[in-house]
């Protein structure tokens, strides 16, 4: 029973990965594309500073990436002006369902 549940989770995770990868590629045409995907799947709650550090880009560029992902509803930003967090809600929900 547990193995079947885990197998279903892995299938759902793979589907989410492929879907998100296509959506991000459409939203962001950048050589940093693969790194962005890796960041949102390893750290589903992101900040501008975290993404900038991971991608070795400026905070301004990281914010533009995050804003594009929010515009495409891949990420959901909170209401704060400073120290804003961006959430990959689909991944958080998938993990929470387990």
N, C-alpha and C. Protein backbone atom coordinates (compact mmCIF):
# COMPACT_ATOMS: atom_id res chain seq x y z
N UNK A 1 0.83 -1.19 0.00
CA UNK A 1 0.00 0.00 0.00
C UNK A 1 0.87 1.26 0.00
N UNK A 2 1.86 1.30 0.89
CA UNK A 2 2.75 2.46 0.99
C UNK A 2 3.55 2.64 -0.29
N UNK A 3 4.01 1.54 -0.89
CA UNK A 3 4.78 1.62 -2.13
C UNK A 3 3.92 2.17 -3.27
N UNK A 4 2.66 1.78 -3.31
CA UNK A 4 1.75 2.27 -4.35
C UNK A 4 1.52 3.78 -4.19
N UNK A 5 1.37 4.21 -2.93
CA UNK A 5 1.17 5.64 -2.65
C UNK A 5 2.41 6.43 -3.06
N UNK A 6 3.58 5.91 -2.72
CA UNK A 6 4.83 6.57 -3.07
C UNK A 6 5.02 6.62 -4.58
N UNK A 7 4.68 5.55 -5.25
CA UNK A 7 4.78 5.50 -6.71
C UNK A 7 3.87 6.56 -7.35
N UNK A 8 2.67 6.70 -6.82
CA UNK A 8 1.74 7.72 -7.31
C UNK A 8 2.29 9.12 -7.09
N UNK A 9 2.90 9.34 -5.92
CA UNK A 9 3.51 10.63 -5.61
C UNK A 9 4.63 10.95 -6.59
N UNK A 10 5.46 9.98 -6.87
CA UNK A 10 6.58 10.18 -7.80
C UNK A 10 6.05 10.48 -9.20
N UNK A 11 5.02 9.78 -9.62
CA UNK A 11 4.39 10.07 -10.92
C UNK A 11 3.86 11.50 -10.97
N UNK A 12 3.15 11.89 -9.91
CA UNK A 12 2.61 13.25 -9.85
C UNK A 12 3.72 14.29 -9.85
N UNK A 13 4.80 14.01 -9.14
CA UNK A 13 5.94 14.92 -9.08
C UNK A 13 6.58 15.06 -10.46
N UNK A 14 6.74 13.95 -11.17
CA UNK A 14 7.31 14.00 -12.52
C UNK A 14 6.42 14.78 -13.48
N UNK A 15 5.11 14.59 -13.37
CA UNK A 15 4.17 15.35 -14.23
C UNK A 15 4.27 16.83 -13.93
N UNK A 16 4.33 17.19 -12.65
CA UNK A 16 4.45 18.59 -12.26
C UNK A 16 5.77 19.17 -12.78
N UNK A 17 6.84 18.39 -12.69
CA UNK A 17 8.14 18.85 -13.16
C UNK A 17 8.10 19.15 -14.65
N UNK A 18 7.57 18.23 -15.43
CA UNK A 18 7.52 18.41 -16.89
C UNK A 18 6.62 19.59 -17.27
N UNK A 19 5.47 19.70 -16.62
CA UNK A 19 4.54 20.80 -16.88
C UNK A 19 5.19 22.14 -16.53
N UNK A 20 5.81 22.20 -15.36
CA UNK A 20 6.43 23.44 -14.90
C UNK A 20 7.62 23.81 -15.78
N UNK A 21 8.38 22.82 -16.18
CA UNK A 21 9.53 23.07 -17.04
C UNK A 21 9.09 23.73 -18.34
N UNK A 22 8.01 23.23 -18.94
CA UNK A 22 7.50 23.82 -20.18
C UNK A 22 6.99 25.25 -19.94
N UNK A 23 6.29 25.46 -18.83
CA UNK A 23 5.75 26.79 -18.52
C UNK A 23 6.87 27.80 -18.26
N UNK A 24 7.90 27.38 -17.54
CA UNK A 24 9.02 28.27 -17.23
C UNK A 24 9.79 28.59 -18.51
N UNK A 25 9.98 27.60 -19.35
CA UNK A 25 10.71 27.82 -20.61
C UNK A 25 9.96 28.83 -21.47
N UNK A 26 8.65 28.76 -21.46
CA UNK A 26 7.84 29.71 -22.22
C UNK A 26 7.93 31.12 -21.62
N UNK A 27 7.98 31.20 -20.30
CA UNK A 27 7.98 32.50 -19.61
C UNK A 27 9.35 33.16 -19.61
N UNK A 28 10.41 32.37 -19.52
CA UNK A 28 11.76 32.91 -19.37
C UNK A 28 12.68 32.29 -20.41
N UNK A 29 13.13 33.12 -21.32
CA UNK A 29 14.09 32.68 -22.33
C UNK A 29 15.47 33.10 -21.85
N UNK A 30 16.12 32.21 -21.12
CA UNK A 30 17.40 32.56 -20.50
C UNK A 30 18.30 31.33 -20.41
N UNK A 31 19.61 31.55 -20.50
CA UNK A 31 20.55 30.43 -20.27
C UNK A 31 20.46 29.90 -18.84
N UNK A 32 19.85 30.68 -17.95
CA UNK A 32 19.71 30.27 -16.54
C UNK A 32 18.48 29.38 -16.33
N UNK A 33 17.79 29.04 -17.40
CA UNK A 33 16.55 28.28 -17.33
C UNK A 33 16.65 27.03 -16.44
N UNK A 34 17.64 26.18 -16.70
CA UNK A 34 17.78 24.93 -15.92
C UNK A 34 18.02 25.21 -14.44
N UNK A 35 18.79 26.24 -14.15
CA UNK A 35 19.06 26.60 -12.75
C UNK A 35 17.79 27.11 -12.06
N UNK A 36 16.97 27.85 -12.80
CA UNK A 36 15.72 28.36 -12.23
C UNK A 36 14.81 27.19 -11.87
N UNK A 37 14.68 26.21 -12.76
CA UNK A 37 13.87 25.02 -12.50
C UNK A 37 14.39 24.30 -11.25
N UNK A 38 15.69 24.11 -11.19
CA UNK A 38 16.29 23.43 -10.04
C UNK A 38 15.99 24.19 -8.75
N UNK A 39 16.09 25.50 -8.79
CA UNK A 39 15.83 26.32 -7.59
C UNK A 39 14.39 26.18 -7.11
N UNK A 40 13.42 26.25 -8.02
CA UNK A 40 12.04 26.23 -7.54
C UNK A 40 11.62 24.84 -7.06
N UNK A 41 12.29 23.79 -7.55
CA UNK A 41 11.96 22.45 -7.08
C UNK A 41 12.72 22.07 -5.81
N UNK A 42 13.87 22.66 -5.57
CA UNK A 42 14.61 22.34 -4.34
C UNK A 42 14.26 23.30 -3.20
N UNK A 43 13.78 24.50 -3.56
CA UNK A 43 13.43 25.52 -2.57
C UNK A 43 12.10 26.16 -3.00
N UNK A 44 10.97 25.52 -2.68
CA UNK A 44 9.68 26.00 -3.20
C UNK A 44 9.20 27.32 -2.59
N UNK A 45 9.92 27.84 -1.60
CA UNK A 45 9.63 29.18 -1.06
C UNK A 45 10.91 29.99 -1.29
N UNK A 46 10.80 30.97 -2.20
CA UNK A 46 11.97 31.71 -2.67
C UNK A 46 11.91 33.17 -2.29
N UNK A 47 13.08 33.77 -2.22
CA UNK A 47 13.19 35.22 -2.09
C UNK A 47 14.06 35.71 -3.24
N UNK A 48 14.01 37.01 -3.49
CA UNK A 48 14.85 37.59 -4.54
C UNK A 48 16.32 37.33 -4.23
N UNK A 49 16.72 37.57 -3.00
CA UNK A 49 18.13 37.40 -2.61
C UNK A 49 18.60 35.95 -2.79
N UNK A 50 17.75 34.99 -2.42
CA UNK A 50 18.11 33.58 -2.58
C UNK A 50 18.32 33.24 -4.05
N UNK A 51 17.37 33.63 -4.90
CA UNK A 51 17.48 33.30 -6.32
C UNK A 51 18.69 34.00 -6.94
N UNK A 52 18.92 35.25 -6.58
CA UNK A 52 20.07 35.99 -7.10
C UNK A 52 21.38 35.27 -6.75
N UNK A 53 21.46 34.81 -5.51
CA UNK A 53 22.66 34.11 -5.07
C UNK A 53 22.84 32.79 -5.82
N UNK A 54 21.77 32.03 -5.95
CA UNK A 54 21.84 30.72 -6.61
C UNK A 54 22.19 30.84 -8.09
N UNK A 55 21.69 31.89 -8.73
CA UNK A 55 21.91 32.05 -10.18
C UNK A 55 23.10 32.94 -10.51
N UNK A 56 23.72 33.54 -9.49
CA UNK A 56 24.81 34.50 -9.69
C UNK A 56 24.38 35.63 -10.61
N UNK A 57 23.21 36.21 -10.29
CA UNK A 57 22.70 37.37 -11.02
C UNK A 57 22.41 38.48 -10.01
N UNK A 58 22.10 39.66 -10.53
CA UNK A 58 21.75 40.76 -9.63
C UNK A 58 20.38 40.53 -9.02
N UNK A 59 20.11 41.22 -7.92
CA UNK A 59 18.78 41.14 -7.31
C UNK A 59 17.72 41.61 -8.30
N UNK A 60 18.03 42.62 -9.09
CA UNK A 60 17.08 43.12 -10.08
C UNK A 60 16.71 42.06 -11.11
N UNK A 61 17.72 41.33 -11.58
CA UNK A 61 17.44 40.26 -12.56
C UNK A 61 16.64 39.13 -11.92
N UNK A 62 17.00 38.77 -10.71
CA UNK A 62 16.27 37.71 -9.99
C UNK A 62 14.81 38.12 -9.80
N UNK A 63 14.59 39.38 -9.46
CA UNK A 63 13.22 39.86 -9.27
C UNK A 63 12.44 39.80 -10.59
N UNK A 64 13.08 40.14 -11.69
CA UNK A 64 12.41 40.05 -12.99
C UNK A 64 12.01 38.60 -13.30
N UNK A 65 12.91 37.66 -13.00
CA UNK A 65 12.57 36.24 -13.20
C UNK A 65 11.37 35.85 -12.34
N UNK A 66 11.42 36.21 -11.07
CA UNK A 66 10.33 35.85 -10.15
C UNK A 66 9.02 36.52 -10.55
N UNK A 67 9.09 37.77 -10.98
CA UNK A 67 7.88 38.47 -11.42
C UNK A 67 7.26 37.80 -12.65
N UNK A 68 8.11 37.35 -13.58
CA UNK A 68 7.60 36.64 -14.77
C UNK A 68 6.91 35.34 -14.36
N UNK A 69 7.50 34.62 -13.42
CA UNK A 69 6.91 33.37 -12.95
C UNK A 69 5.61 33.62 -12.19
N UNK A 70 5.55 34.75 -11.50
CA UNK A 70 4.31 35.11 -10.82
C UNK A 70 3.24 35.51 -11.84
N UNK A 71 3.63 36.26 -12.86
CA UNK A 71 2.69 36.65 -13.91
C UNK A 71 2.07 35.43 -14.60
N UNK A 72 2.87 34.38 -14.77
CA UNK A 72 2.39 33.15 -15.40
C UNK A 72 1.71 32.21 -14.40
N UNK A 73 1.59 32.67 -13.15
CA UNK A 73 0.95 31.93 -12.07
C UNK A 73 1.65 30.60 -11.76
N UNK A 74 2.95 30.58 -11.99
CA UNK A 74 3.76 29.43 -11.60
C UNK A 74 4.13 29.58 -10.12
N UNK A 75 4.44 30.82 -9.73
CA UNK A 75 4.73 31.16 -8.34
C UNK A 75 3.67 32.14 -7.85
N UNK A 76 3.49 32.16 -6.55
CA UNK A 76 2.56 33.10 -5.93
C UNK A 76 3.34 33.93 -4.92
N UNK A 77 3.34 35.25 -5.11
CA UNK A 77 4.06 36.13 -4.20
C UNK A 77 3.17 36.58 -3.06
N UNK A 78 3.79 36.84 -1.91
CA UNK A 78 3.01 37.37 -0.79
C UNK A 78 2.80 38.87 -0.98
N UNK A 79 2.13 39.52 -0.05
CA UNK A 79 1.75 40.93 -0.20
C UNK A 79 2.80 41.91 0.31
N UNK A 80 3.90 41.42 0.80
CA UNK A 80 4.91 42.32 1.36
C UNK A 80 5.66 43.07 0.26
N UNK A 81 6.04 44.30 0.55
CA UNK A 81 6.85 45.08 -0.39
C UNK A 81 8.33 44.74 -0.24
N UNK A 82 8.78 44.61 0.99
CA UNK A 82 10.19 44.29 1.26
C UNK A 82 10.26 42.86 1.82
N UNK A 83 11.31 42.16 1.45
CA UNK A 83 11.47 40.80 1.95
C UNK A 83 10.39 39.86 1.42
N UNK A 84 9.93 40.14 0.23
CA UNK A 84 8.83 39.37 -0.37
C UNK A 84 9.23 37.92 -0.60
N UNK A 85 8.32 37.02 -0.37
CA UNK A 85 8.52 35.60 -0.63
C UNK A 85 7.63 35.17 -1.79
N UNK A 86 8.14 34.24 -2.56
CA UNK A 86 7.41 33.67 -3.69
C UNK A 86 7.25 32.17 -3.43
N UNK A 87 6.05 31.67 -3.61
CA UNK A 87 5.72 30.29 -3.25
C UNK A 87 5.38 29.47 -4.49
N UNK A 88 5.99 28.30 -4.59
CA UNK A 88 5.64 27.33 -5.63
C UNK A 88 4.55 26.45 -5.03
N UNK A 89 3.34 26.98 -5.06
CA UNK A 89 2.20 26.40 -4.35
C UNK A 89 1.89 24.98 -4.82
N UNK A 90 1.99 24.73 -6.10
CA UNK A 90 1.67 23.38 -6.61
C UNK A 90 2.57 22.32 -5.98
N UNK A 91 3.84 22.62 -5.83
CA UNK A 91 4.76 21.66 -5.21
C UNK A 91 4.49 21.52 -3.72
N UNK A 92 4.25 22.63 -3.05
CA UNK A 92 3.95 22.59 -1.62
C UNK A 92 2.68 21.77 -1.37
N UNK A 93 1.65 22.00 -2.19
CA UNK A 93 0.40 21.25 -2.06
C UNK A 93 0.60 19.77 -2.31
N UNK A 94 1.39 19.44 -3.32
CA UNK A 94 1.66 18.03 -3.64
C UNK A 94 2.37 17.35 -2.47
N UNK A 95 3.36 18.01 -1.91
CA UNK A 95 4.09 17.44 -0.77
C UNK A 95 3.20 17.32 0.46
N UNK A 96 2.36 18.32 0.66
CA UNK A 96 1.47 18.33 1.83
C UNK A 96 0.45 17.18 1.75
N UNK A 97 0.04 16.83 0.55
CA UNK A 97 -0.96 15.76 0.37
C UNK A 97 -0.40 14.38 0.74
N UNK A 98 0.92 14.30 0.86
CA UNK A 98 1.53 13.02 1.22
C UNK A 98 1.51 12.87 2.69
